[in-house]
Amino acid sequence: ETIINQDSRDLDFRVESDGNANALFVEGSSGNVGIGGAPSYPFHVTGSGDTVAAVTAGASSIAALNLGNATNLADGGIRYDNSANALILRAANAEAMRIDSSGNVDLYQGSNLTWRYAAGSTIRGSISTDSADNITFSNTSGNTERMRIDSSGRAIIGGGITLGNGQTYAAANTLDDYEEGTWTPRYTGLTGS
């Protein structure tokens, strides 16, 4: 066993390299560890250009950065599954998002999933799915549902339907009221530039 500063004095410990006075720096007053410079955080990597901190694992193993607390050390985190070539984000001790080897993005959120556009803390619009295979579209700061596509494929529009020609159908007349027969949409009076 080798102990440095066994008397717990407020002394910094540095290892120099060729051209860097702080290749490894342990700050005596805080215990912070720095690589490449004096640390401002418990673990701090500093560089003058592009700076990369690497976590590598075997070809069929997971390289990870776990984030959590004293009770659950891996409540959240970033993982790379080398066997599946997938990047995984974790939250609440479960996989929340995966980018697979084809670039597909899978989002996981229990039985429901919501994508939100927010301006600050105000939600301006969202698209949600639920365990009954419905998709809902909402907007406004109250996140009001405006349209739903149900599990049978019906589009239900809460405020009615307004076509491009300005003709409006009341909210009670959902698209499934007009599904029998055939029809061809025709646009008139449109000019292009």
N, C-alpha and C. Protein backbone atom coordinates (compact mmCIF):
# COMPACT_ATOMS: atom_id res chain seq x y z
N GLU A 1 0.84 -1.17 0.00
CA GLU A 1 0.00 0.00 0.00
C GLU A 1 0.89 1.23 0.00
N THR A 2 0.58 2.19 -0.85
CA THR A 2 1.30 3.45 -0.89
C THR A 2 0.33 4.57 -0.58
N ILE A 3 0.63 5.39 0.41
CA ILE A 3 -0.24 6.49 0.80
C ILE A 3 0.52 7.78 0.58
N ILE A 4 -0.12 8.71 -0.10
CA ILE A 4 0.45 10.04 -0.30
C ILE A 4 -0.37 11.01 0.54
N ASN A 5 0.28 11.86 1.30
CA ASN A 5 -0.36 12.84 2.16
C ASN A 5 -1.19 12.17 3.26
N GLN A 6 -0.55 11.26 3.96
CA GLN A 6 -1.24 10.52 5.02
C GLN A 6 -1.70 11.42 6.15
N ASP A 7 -1.09 12.59 6.32
CA ASP A 7 -1.48 13.50 7.40
C ASP A 7 -2.66 14.40 7.00
N SER A 8 -3.22 14.20 5.81
CA SER A 8 -4.40 14.94 5.31
C SER A 8 -4.16 16.45 5.29
N ARG A 9 -3.00 16.87 4.84
CA ARG A 9 -2.71 18.29 4.73
C ARG A 9 -3.33 18.83 3.44
N ASP A 10 -3.56 20.14 3.41
CA ASP A 10 -4.11 20.80 2.22
C ASP A 10 -2.98 21.01 1.22
N LEU A 11 -2.57 19.93 0.58
CA LEU A 11 -1.49 19.94 -0.40
C LEU A 11 -2.00 19.37 -1.72
N ASP A 12 -1.71 20.06 -2.80
CA ASP A 12 -2.07 19.55 -4.13
C ASP A 12 -1.05 18.50 -4.55
N PHE A 13 -1.51 17.54 -5.34
CA PHE A 13 -0.63 16.51 -5.90
C PHE A 13 -0.69 16.63 -7.41
N ARG A 14 0.46 16.78 -8.04
CA ARG A 14 0.52 16.95 -9.49
C ARG A 14 1.49 15.96 -10.11
N VAL A 15 1.14 15.52 -11.31
CA VAL A 15 2.06 14.75 -12.14
C VAL A 15 2.22 15.53 -13.44
N GLU A 16 3.46 15.86 -13.77
CA GLU A 16 3.72 16.62 -15.00
C GLU A 16 4.04 15.67 -16.14
N SER A 17 3.74 16.16 -17.36
CA SER A 17 4.15 15.44 -18.56
C SER A 17 4.93 16.41 -19.44
N ASP A 18 5.36 15.96 -20.58
CA ASP A 18 6.10 16.81 -21.50
C ASP A 18 5.17 17.89 -22.03
N GLY A 19 5.29 19.11 -21.52
CA GLY A 19 4.48 20.22 -21.99
C GLY A 19 3.22 20.47 -21.19
N ASN A 20 2.92 19.68 -20.16
CA ASN A 20 1.72 19.92 -19.36
C ASN A 20 2.08 19.77 -17.88
N ALA A 21 1.99 20.88 -17.17
CA ALA A 21 2.33 20.88 -15.74
C ALA A 21 1.28 20.15 -14.91
N ASN A 22 0.07 19.96 -15.47
CA ASN A 22 -1.01 19.32 -14.72
C ASN A 22 -1.59 18.13 -15.48
N ALA A 23 -0.72 17.22 -15.92
CA ALA A 23 -1.22 16.03 -16.61
C ALA A 23 -2.18 15.26 -15.70
N LEU A 24 -1.86 15.18 -14.43
CA LEU A 24 -2.74 14.62 -13.41
C LEU A 24 -2.66 15.54 -12.21
N PHE A 25 -3.81 15.99 -11.70
CA PHE A 25 -3.82 16.96 -10.62
C PHE A 25 -4.89 16.54 -9.62
N VAL A 26 -4.48 16.36 -8.36
CA VAL A 26 -5.43 16.11 -7.27
C VAL A 26 -5.36 17.33 -6.36
N GLU A 27 -6.48 18.02 -6.23
CA GLU A 27 -6.54 19.24 -5.44
C GLU A 27 -6.70 18.89 -3.96
N GLY A 28 -5.75 19.33 -3.15
CA GLY A 28 -5.75 18.96 -1.72
C GLY A 28 -6.95 19.48 -0.97
N SER A 29 -7.43 20.69 -1.28
CA SER A 29 -8.52 21.28 -0.50
C SER A 29 -9.86 20.62 -0.76
N SER A 30 -10.08 20.10 -1.99
CA SER A 30 -11.39 19.55 -2.34
C SER A 30 -11.38 18.06 -2.64
N GLY A 31 -10.22 17.53 -3.00
CA GLY A 31 -10.15 16.14 -3.44
C GLY A 31 -10.52 15.98 -4.90
N ASN A 32 -10.81 17.10 -5.60
CA ASN A 32 -11.13 17.03 -7.03
C ASN A 32 -9.93 16.52 -7.81
N VAL A 33 -10.22 15.76 -8.88
CA VAL A 33 -9.17 15.19 -9.73
C VAL A 33 -9.27 15.80 -11.11
N GLY A 34 -8.14 16.29 -11.59
CA GLY A 34 -8.10 16.88 -12.92
C GLY A 34 -7.12 16.16 -13.81
N ILE A 35 -7.49 16.01 -15.07
CA ILE A 35 -6.59 15.49 -16.09
C ILE A 35 -6.41 16.58 -17.12
N GLY A 36 -5.18 17.03 -17.29
CA GLY A 36 -4.90 18.08 -18.25
C GLY A 36 -5.03 19.48 -17.71
N GLY A 37 -5.42 19.64 -16.46
CA GLY A 37 -5.55 20.96 -15.87
C GLY A 37 -6.06 20.87 -14.44
N ALA A 38 -6.08 22.04 -13.76
CA ALA A 38 -6.60 22.09 -12.40
C ALA A 38 -8.11 21.85 -12.44
N PRO A 39 -8.65 21.02 -11.54
CA PRO A 39 -10.06 20.64 -11.61
C PRO A 39 -11.00 21.65 -10.97
N SER A 40 -12.16 21.84 -11.59
CA SER A 40 -13.24 22.64 -11.01
C SER A 40 -14.39 21.75 -10.54
N TYR A 41 -14.34 20.47 -10.87
CA TYR A 41 -15.38 19.50 -10.53
C TYR A 41 -14.72 18.27 -9.92
N PRO A 42 -15.50 17.37 -9.32
CA PRO A 42 -14.90 16.17 -8.73
C PRO A 42 -14.02 15.38 -9.72
N PHE A 43 -14.42 15.33 -11.00
CA PHE A 43 -13.57 14.74 -12.04
C PHE A 43 -13.65 15.66 -13.25
N HIS A 44 -12.53 16.18 -13.69
CA HIS A 44 -12.52 17.23 -14.70
C HIS A 44 -11.41 16.95 -15.72
N VAL A 45 -11.81 16.81 -17.00
CA VAL A 45 -10.85 16.61 -18.09
C VAL A 45 -10.76 17.91 -18.86
N THR A 46 -9.55 18.43 -19.05
CA THR A 46 -9.35 19.71 -19.72
C THR A 46 -8.42 19.52 -20.91
N GLY A 47 -8.76 20.17 -22.02
CA GLY A 47 -7.88 20.16 -23.19
C GLY A 47 -7.94 21.50 -23.88
N SER A 48 -6.97 21.77 -24.73
CA SER A 48 -6.94 23.06 -25.43
C SER A 48 -7.64 22.99 -26.78
N GLY A 49 -7.89 21.81 -27.29
CA GLY A 49 -8.61 21.63 -28.55
C GLY A 49 -9.74 20.64 -28.34
N ASP A 50 -10.05 19.83 -29.36
CA ASP A 50 -11.04 18.77 -29.18
C ASP A 50 -10.57 17.88 -28.03
N THR A 51 -11.45 17.61 -27.08
CA THR A 51 -11.09 16.82 -25.91
C THR A 51 -12.03 15.63 -25.80
N VAL A 52 -11.49 14.45 -25.72
CA VAL A 52 -12.29 13.23 -25.68
C VAL A 52 -11.95 12.46 -24.42
N ALA A 53 -12.96 12.09 -23.67
CA ALA A 53 -12.81 11.15 -22.56
C ALA A 53 -13.39 9.83 -23.04
N ALA A 54 -12.65 8.77 -22.97
CA ALA A 54 -13.08 7.50 -23.56
C ALA A 54 -13.37 6.46 -22.50
N VAL A 55 -14.45 5.71 -22.72
CA VAL A 55 -14.77 4.53 -21.94
C VAL A 55 -14.87 3.40 -22.95
N THR A 56 -13.97 2.43 -22.90
CA THR A 56 -13.97 1.35 -23.88
C THR A 56 -14.25 0.02 -23.19
N ALA A 57 -14.83 -0.89 -23.96
CA ALA A 57 -15.15 -2.23 -23.44
C ALA A 57 -14.87 -3.24 -24.54
N GLY A 58 -15.01 -4.51 -24.21
CA GLY A 58 -14.79 -5.57 -25.18
C GLY A 58 -15.80 -5.53 -26.32
N ALA A 59 -15.51 -6.26 -27.40
CA ALA A 59 -16.33 -6.22 -28.61
C ALA A 59 -17.77 -6.66 -28.39
N SER A 60 -18.03 -7.46 -27.37
CA SER A 60 -19.41 -7.89 -27.11
C SER A 60 -19.89 -7.42 -25.74
N SER A 61 -19.27 -6.37 -25.24
CA SER A 61 -19.61 -5.85 -23.90
C SER A 61 -20.20 -4.45 -24.00
N ILE A 62 -20.58 -3.91 -22.86
CA ILE A 62 -21.18 -2.57 -22.78
C ILE A 62 -20.20 -1.59 -22.16
N ALA A 63 -20.00 -0.46 -22.83
CA ALA A 63 -19.24 0.66 -22.28
C ALA A 63 -20.27 1.66 -21.75
N ALA A 64 -20.09 2.13 -20.51
CA ALA A 64 -21.16 2.93 -19.90
C ALA A 64 -20.63 4.05 -19.03
N LEU A 65 -21.47 5.06 -18.91
CA LEU A 65 -21.30 6.13 -17.93
C LEU A 65 -22.58 6.13 -17.11
N ASN A 66 -22.49 5.67 -15.86
CA ASN A 66 -23.66 5.59 -15.00
C ASN A 66 -23.84 6.87 -14.22
N LEU A 67 -25.09 7.30 -14.08
CA LEU A 67 -25.45 8.50 -13.33
C LEU A 67 -26.50 8.11 -12.31
N GLY A 68 -26.34 8.57 -11.09
CA GLY A 68 -27.32 8.20 -10.07
C GLY A 68 -27.04 8.87 -8.75
N ASN A 69 -27.37 8.18 -7.67
CA ASN A 69 -27.19 8.71 -6.33
C ASN A 69 -26.65 7.60 -5.44
N ALA A 70 -26.53 7.89 -4.15
CA ALA A 70 -25.95 6.90 -3.23
C ALA A 70 -26.79 5.64 -3.12
N THR A 71 -28.10 5.75 -3.33
CA THR A 71 -28.98 4.59 -3.24
C THR A 71 -28.96 3.76 -4.52
N ASN A 72 -29.00 4.43 -5.66
CA ASN A 72 -28.99 3.73 -6.95
C ASN A 72 -27.92 4.36 -7.82
N LEU A 73 -26.80 3.73 -7.92
CA LEU A 73 -25.65 4.28 -8.64
C LEU A 73 -25.87 4.37 -10.14
N ALA A 74 -26.81 3.61 -10.69
CA ALA A 74 -27.04 3.59 -12.14
C ALA A 74 -28.48 3.91 -12.48
N ASP A 75 -29.08 4.88 -11.79
CA ASP A 75 -30.46 5.27 -12.05
C ASP A 75 -30.62 5.81 -13.47
N GLY A 76 -29.62 6.45 -13.98
CA GLY A 76 -29.61 6.95 -15.35
C GLY A 76 -28.24 6.73 -15.94
N GLY A 77 -28.11 7.03 -17.22
CA GLY A 77 -26.79 6.89 -17.80
C GLY A 77 -26.80 6.78 -19.31
N ILE A 78 -25.60 6.70 -19.84
CA ILE A 78 -25.37 6.53 -21.26
C ILE A 78 -24.60 5.24 -21.43
N ARG A 79 -25.07 4.39 -22.32
CA ARG A 79 -24.41 3.10 -22.55
C ARG A 79 -24.23 2.87 -24.04
N TYR A 80 -23.16 2.18 -24.39
CA TYR A 80 -22.99 1.73 -25.77
C TYR A 80 -22.85 0.23 -25.74
N ASP A 81 -23.80 -0.46 -26.38
CA ASP A 81 -23.80 -1.92 -26.45
C ASP A 81 -23.01 -2.33 -27.69
N ASN A 82 -21.77 -2.76 -27.48
CA ASN A 82 -20.91 -3.11 -28.60
C ASN A 82 -21.42 -4.32 -29.39
N SER A 83 -22.10 -5.26 -28.75
CA SER A 83 -22.59 -6.44 -29.46
C SER A 83 -23.74 -6.09 -30.40
N ALA A 84 -24.56 -5.07 -30.05
CA ALA A 84 -25.69 -4.67 -30.89
C ALA A 84 -25.41 -3.39 -31.67
N ASN A 85 -24.25 -2.78 -31.42
CA ASN A 85 -23.92 -1.47 -32.02
C ASN A 85 -25.05 -0.47 -31.78
N ALA A 86 -25.44 -0.33 -30.53
CA ALA A 86 -26.57 0.54 -30.17
C ALA A 86 -26.16 1.48 -29.04
N LEU A 87 -26.60 2.75 -29.16
CA LEU A 87 -26.41 3.74 -28.11
C LEU A 87 -27.69 3.80 -27.29
N ILE A 88 -27.56 3.70 -25.97
CA ILE A 88 -28.72 3.59 -25.09
C ILE A 88 -28.68 4.70 -24.04
N LEU A 89 -29.79 5.38 -23.86
CA LEU A 89 -29.94 6.35 -22.77
C LEU A 89 -30.89 5.77 -21.74
N ARG A 90 -30.52 5.86 -20.48
CA ARG A 90 -31.34 5.31 -19.40
C ARG A 90 -31.84 6.43 -18.49
N ALA A 91 -33.05 6.28 -17.96
CA ALA A 91 -33.63 7.19 -16.97
C ALA A 91 -34.54 6.38 -16.07
N ALA A 92 -34.62 6.77 -14.81
CA ALA A 92 -35.47 6.07 -13.83
C ALA A 92 -35.19 4.57 -13.81
N ASN A 93 -33.90 4.22 -13.94
CA ASN A 93 -33.44 2.84 -13.87
C ASN A 93 -34.01 1.94 -14.97
N ALA A 94 -34.29 2.52 -16.13
CA ALA A 94 -34.80 1.75 -17.26
C ALA A 94 -34.33 2.38 -18.57
N GLU A 95 -34.30 1.59 -19.61
CA GLU A 95 -33.94 2.11 -20.93
C GLU A 95 -35.01 3.08 -21.40
N ALA A 96 -34.61 4.30 -21.77
CA ALA A 96 -35.56 5.31 -22.22
C ALA A 96 -35.45 5.56 -23.72
N MET A 97 -34.25 5.39 -24.30
CA MET A 97 -34.07 5.64 -25.72
C MET A 97 -32.92 4.78 -26.24
N ARG A 98 -33.07 4.33 -27.49
CA ARG A 98 -32.03 3.53 -28.13
C ARG A 98 -31.87 3.99 -29.57
N ILE A 99 -30.64 4.20 -29.99
CA ILE A 99 -30.33 4.44 -31.41
C ILE A 99 -29.62 3.17 -31.88
N ASP A 100 -30.28 2.43 -32.79
CA ASP A 100 -29.72 1.15 -33.20
C ASP A 100 -28.70 1.33 -34.33
N SER A 101 -28.14 0.22 -34.77
CA SER A 101 -27.07 0.26 -35.77
C SER A 101 -27.52 0.79 -37.12
N SER A 102 -28.83 0.82 -37.37
CA SER A 102 -29.36 1.36 -38.63
C SER A 102 -29.70 2.85 -38.51
N GLY A 103 -29.54 3.42 -37.31
CA GLY A 103 -29.88 4.82 -37.09
C GLY A 103 -31.31 5.03 -36.65
N ASN A 104 -32.07 3.95 -36.46
CA ASN A 104 -33.44 4.08 -35.96
C ASN A 104 -33.41 4.52 -34.50
N VAL A 105 -34.35 5.39 -34.14
CA VAL A 105 -34.45 5.88 -32.76
C VAL A 105 -35.70 5.26 -32.13
N ASP A 106 -35.51 4.49 -31.09
CA ASP A 106 -36.62 3.89 -30.35
C ASP A 106 -36.73 4.60 -29.01
N LEU A 107 -37.95 5.05 -28.69
CA LEU A 107 -38.20 5.71 -27.42
C LEU A 107 -39.09 4.81 -26.57
N TYR A 108 -38.76 4.67 -25.30
CA TYR A 108 -39.52 3.81 -24.40
C TYR A 108 -40.04 4.64 -23.24
N GLN A 109 -41.32 4.50 -22.94
CA GLN A 109 -41.90 5.24 -21.82
C GLN A 109 -43.08 4.48 -21.24
N GLY A 110 -42.84 3.31 -20.78
CA GLY A 110 -43.92 2.51 -20.21
C GLY A 110 -44.99 2.24 -21.23
N SER A 111 -46.27 2.47 -20.88
CA SER A 111 -47.36 2.18 -21.79
C SER A 111 -47.70 3.36 -22.69
N ASN A 112 -47.23 4.55 -22.38
CA ASN A 112 -47.52 5.75 -23.18
C ASN A 112 -46.22 6.40 -23.61
N LEU A 113 -46.26 7.12 -24.71
CA LEU A 113 -45.09 7.83 -25.21
C LEU A 113 -45.53 9.17 -25.74
N THR A 114 -44.81 10.22 -25.40
CA THR A 114 -45.17 11.57 -25.84
C THR A 114 -43.94 12.29 -26.36
N TRP A 115 -44.08 12.91 -27.53
CA TRP A 115 -43.07 13.82 -28.06
C TRP A 115 -43.62 15.22 -27.84
N ARG A 116 -42.83 16.12 -27.31
CA ARG A 116 -43.32 17.47 -27.01
C ARG A 116 -42.42 18.52 -27.63
N TYR A 117 -43.07 19.59 -28.10
CA TYR A 117 -42.34 20.80 -28.47
C TYR A 117 -42.67 21.83 -27.42
N ALA A 118 -41.67 22.37 -26.77
CA ALA A 118 -41.92 23.33 -25.70
C ALA A 118 -41.11 24.60 -25.93
N ALA A 119 -41.70 25.71 -25.54
CA ALA A 119 -40.99 26.98 -25.51
C ALA A 119 -40.79 27.31 -24.04
N GLY A 120 -39.60 27.09 -23.54
CA GLY A 120 -39.38 27.21 -22.11
C GLY A 120 -40.12 26.10 -21.40
N SER A 121 -40.92 26.45 -20.42
CA SER A 121 -41.69 25.43 -19.69
C SER A 121 -43.10 25.26 -20.26
N THR A 122 -43.44 26.01 -21.33
CA THR A 122 -44.78 25.93 -21.92
C THR A 122 -44.79 24.97 -23.08
N ILE A 123 -45.66 23.96 -23.02
CA ILE A 123 -45.78 23.00 -24.11
C ILE A 123 -46.61 23.64 -25.22
N ARG A 124 -46.08 23.65 -26.43
CA ARG A 124 -46.78 24.23 -27.57
C ARG A 124 -47.45 23.18 -28.44
N GLY A 125 -46.95 21.98 -28.44
CA GLY A 125 -47.55 20.92 -29.23
C GLY A 125 -47.00 19.57 -28.80
N SER A 126 -47.78 18.51 -29.03
CA SER A 126 -47.30 17.18 -28.68
C SER A 126 -47.99 16.12 -29.53
N ILE A 127 -47.32 15.01 -29.69
CA ILE A 127 -47.87 13.82 -30.32
C ILE A 127 -47.71 12.70 -29.31
N SER A 128 -48.80 12.01 -29.00
CA SER A 128 -48.76 10.97 -27.98
C SER A 128 -49.30 9.66 -28.53
N THR A 129 -48.76 8.57 -28.03
CA THR A 129 -49.32 7.24 -28.30
C THR A 129 -49.65 6.62 -26.95
N ASP A 130 -50.58 5.67 -26.96
CA ASP A 130 -50.92 5.01 -25.71
C ASP A 130 -50.98 3.51 -25.90
N SER A 131 -51.25 2.78 -24.83
CA SER A 131 -51.25 1.32 -24.88
C SER A 131 -52.43 0.77 -25.67
N ALA A 132 -53.41 1.59 -26.02
CA ALA A 132 -54.55 1.15 -26.84
C ALA A 132 -54.29 1.43 -28.33
N ASP A 133 -53.05 1.79 -28.69
CA ASP A 133 -52.64 2.06 -30.07
C ASP A 133 -53.32 3.28 -30.68
N ASN A 134 -53.67 4.27 -29.86
CA ASN A 134 -54.19 5.54 -30.34
C ASN A 134 -53.02 6.52 -30.49
N ILE A 135 -53.13 7.43 -31.45
CA ILE A 135 -52.18 8.52 -31.61
C ILE A 135 -52.96 9.82 -31.47
N THR A 136 -52.52 10.70 -30.57
CA THR A 136 -53.21 11.97 -30.39
C THR A 136 -52.27 13.12 -30.70
N PHE A 137 -52.83 14.18 -31.29
CA PHE A 137 -52.11 15.40 -31.62
C PHE A 137 -52.72 16.53 -30.80
N SER A 138 -51.88 17.24 -30.07
CA SER A 138 -52.36 18.30 -29.19
C SER A 138 -51.55 19.56 -29.41
N ASN A 139 -52.14 20.71 -29.07
CA ASN A 139 -51.39 21.96 -29.10
C ASN A 139 -51.95 22.93 -28.08
N THR A 140 -51.44 24.12 -28.04
CA THR A 140 -51.71 25.22 -27.11
C THR A 140 -51.02 24.97 -25.78
N SER A 141 -50.92 26.00 -24.98
CA SER A 141 -50.25 25.88 -23.69
C SER A 141 -51.00 24.93 -22.75
N GLY A 142 -52.28 24.70 -23.00
CA GLY A 142 -53.05 23.75 -22.20
C GLY A 142 -52.93 22.32 -22.70
N ASN A 143 -52.12 22.11 -23.77
CA ASN A 143 -51.91 20.79 -24.36
C ASN A 143 -53.26 20.14 -24.71
N THR A 144 -54.10 20.89 -25.43
CA THR A 144 -55.45 20.45 -25.79
C THR A 144 -55.42 19.50 -26.97
N GLU A 145 -56.09 18.35 -26.83
CA GLU A 145 -56.14 17.39 -27.93
C GLU A 145 -56.93 17.97 -29.09
N ARG A 146 -56.36 17.91 -30.30
CA ARG A 146 -57.00 18.44 -31.50
C ARG A 146 -57.40 17.35 -32.47
N MET A 147 -56.64 16.25 -32.50
CA MET A 147 -56.95 15.17 -33.42
C MET A 147 -56.47 13.85 -32.83
N ARG A 148 -57.20 12.80 -33.17
CA ARG A 148 -56.85 11.46 -32.71
C ARG A 148 -56.98 10.49 -33.87
N ILE A 149 -56.00 9.62 -34.02
CA ILE A 149 -56.14 8.48 -34.94
C ILE A 149 -56.25 7.27 -34.04
N ASP A 150 -57.41 6.62 -34.08
CA ASP A 150 -57.62 5.52 -33.16
C ASP A 150 -57.04 4.23 -33.72
N SER A 151 -57.14 3.16 -32.93
CA SER A 151 -56.49 1.89 -33.30
C SER A 151 -57.07 1.26 -34.56
N SER A 152 -58.27 1.68 -34.98
CA SER A 152 -58.85 1.15 -36.22
C SER A 152 -58.49 2.01 -37.42
N GLY A 153 -57.75 3.12 -37.18
CA GLY A 153 -57.33 3.97 -38.29
C GLY A 153 -58.24 5.16 -38.55
N ARG A 154 -59.29 5.32 -37.75
CA ARG A 154 -60.19 6.46 -37.93
C ARG A 154 -59.52 7.73 -37.45
N ALA A 155 -59.67 8.82 -38.22
CA ALA A 155 -59.17 10.13 -37.81
C ALA A 155 -60.34 10.90 -37.20
N ILE A 156 -60.19 11.32 -35.97
CA ILE A 156 -61.23 12.04 -35.26
C ILE A 156 -60.68 13.43 -34.96
N ILE A 157 -61.31 14.44 -35.53
CA ILE A 157 -60.82 15.80 -35.39
C ILE A 157 -61.79 16.56 -34.51
N GLY A 158 -61.31 17.03 -33.36
CA GLY A 158 -62.16 17.63 -32.34
C GLY A 158 -62.83 18.93 -32.75
N GLY A 159 -62.17 19.77 -33.53
CA GLY A 159 -62.74 21.06 -33.88
C GLY A 159 -63.45 21.07 -35.22
N GLY A 160 -63.69 19.91 -35.81
CA GLY A 160 -64.30 19.84 -37.13
C GLY A 160 -63.22 19.74 -38.20
N ILE A 161 -63.66 19.69 -39.45
CA ILE A 161 -62.74 19.54 -40.57
C ILE A 161 -62.93 20.72 -41.51
N THR A 162 -61.84 21.38 -41.86
CA THR A 162 -61.88 22.45 -42.85
C THR A 162 -61.01 22.05 -44.02
N LEU A 163 -61.63 21.97 -45.19
CA LEU A 163 -60.90 21.58 -46.39
C LEU A 163 -60.18 22.78 -46.98
N GLY A 164 -59.31 22.53 -47.93
CA GLY A 164 -58.54 23.58 -48.56
C GLY A 164 -59.40 24.63 -49.23
N ASN A 165 -60.62 24.28 -49.66
CA ASN A 165 -61.50 25.25 -50.32
C ASN A 165 -62.30 26.08 -49.31
N GLY A 166 -62.04 25.87 -48.02
CA GLY A 166 -62.72 26.64 -46.99
C GLY A 166 -63.98 26.00 -46.47
N GLN A 167 -64.43 24.89 -47.08
CA GLN A 167 -65.65 24.21 -46.63
C GLN A 167 -65.36 23.54 -45.29
N THR A 168 -66.26 23.75 -44.32
CA THR A 168 -66.06 23.23 -42.97
C THR A 168 -67.15 22.24 -42.61
N TYR A 169 -66.76 21.18 -41.94
CA TYR A 169 -67.69 20.18 -41.42
C TYR A 169 -67.59 20.20 -39.91
N ALA A 170 -68.71 20.09 -39.24
CA ALA A 170 -68.76 20.19 -37.78
C ALA A 170 -67.97 19.06 -37.14
N ALA A 171 -67.63 19.25 -35.89
CA ALA A 171 -66.82 18.26 -35.17
C ALA A 171 -67.50 16.91 -35.09
N ALA A 172 -68.84 16.89 -35.09
CA ALA A 172 -69.57 15.63 -34.99
C ALA A 172 -69.39 14.79 -36.25
N ASN A 173 -69.03 15.41 -37.35
CA ASN A 173 -68.85 14.68 -38.62
C ASN A 173 -67.40 14.27 -38.77
N THR A 174 -67.05 13.15 -38.20
CA THR A 174 -65.68 12.66 -38.33
C THR A 174 -65.50 12.02 -39.68
N LEU A 175 -64.28 11.76 -40.06
CA LEU A 175 -63.99 11.23 -41.39
C LEU A 175 -64.68 9.89 -41.65
N ASP A 176 -64.92 9.09 -40.61
CA ASP A 176 -65.54 7.80 -40.85
C ASP A 176 -66.99 7.93 -41.30
N ASP A 177 -67.61 9.11 -41.15
CA ASP A 177 -68.97 9.32 -41.64
C ASP A 177 -69.02 9.31 -43.17
N TYR A 178 -67.89 9.50 -43.82
CA TYR A 178 -67.86 9.65 -45.28
C TYR A 178 -67.04 8.56 -45.94
N GLU A 179 -66.86 7.43 -45.29
CA GLU A 179 -65.92 6.45 -45.81
C GLU A 179 -66.51 5.55 -46.90
N GLU A 180 -67.82 5.53 -47.11
CA GLU A 180 -68.39 4.64 -48.12
C GLU A 180 -68.32 5.28 -49.50
N GLY A 181 -68.14 4.46 -50.52
CA GLY A 181 -68.08 4.96 -51.89
C GLY A 181 -66.68 5.43 -52.23
N THR A 182 -66.58 6.01 -53.41
CA THR A 182 -65.28 6.53 -53.84
C THR A 182 -65.42 8.00 -54.19
N TRP A 183 -64.34 8.71 -54.10
CA TRP A 183 -64.35 10.12 -54.45
C TRP A 183 -62.95 10.52 -54.85
N THR A 184 -62.86 11.53 -55.64
CA THR A 184 -61.57 12.03 -56.08
C THR A 184 -61.47 13.50 -55.70
N PRO A 185 -60.45 13.86 -54.92
CA PRO A 185 -60.31 15.27 -54.57
C PRO A 185 -59.91 16.09 -55.80
N ARG A 186 -60.45 17.29 -55.93
CA ARG A 186 -60.12 18.16 -57.06
C ARG A 186 -59.88 19.55 -56.52
N TYR A 187 -58.79 20.12 -56.92
CA TYR A 187 -58.46 21.48 -56.51
C TYR A 187 -58.70 22.40 -57.69
N THR A 188 -59.42 23.49 -57.45
CA THR A 188 -59.67 24.48 -58.50
C THR A 188 -59.26 25.85 -57.99
N GLY A 189 -58.91 26.71 -58.94
CA GLY A 189 -58.61 28.08 -58.58
C GLY A 189 -57.26 28.28 -57.96
N LEU A 190 -56.40 27.25 -58.03
CA LEU A 190 -55.06 27.39 -57.47
C LEU A 190 -54.10 27.86 -58.54
N THR A 191 -53.23 28.76 -58.19
CA THR A 191 -52.20 29.21 -59.15
C THR A 191 -50.86 28.98 -58.52
N GLY A 192 -49.88 28.67 -59.36
CA GLY A 192 -48.53 28.45 -58.87
C GLY A 192 -47.68 29.65 -59.23
N SER A 193 -46.53 29.77 -58.58
CA SER A 193 -45.63 30.87 -58.90
C SER A 193 -44.38 30.33 -59.55
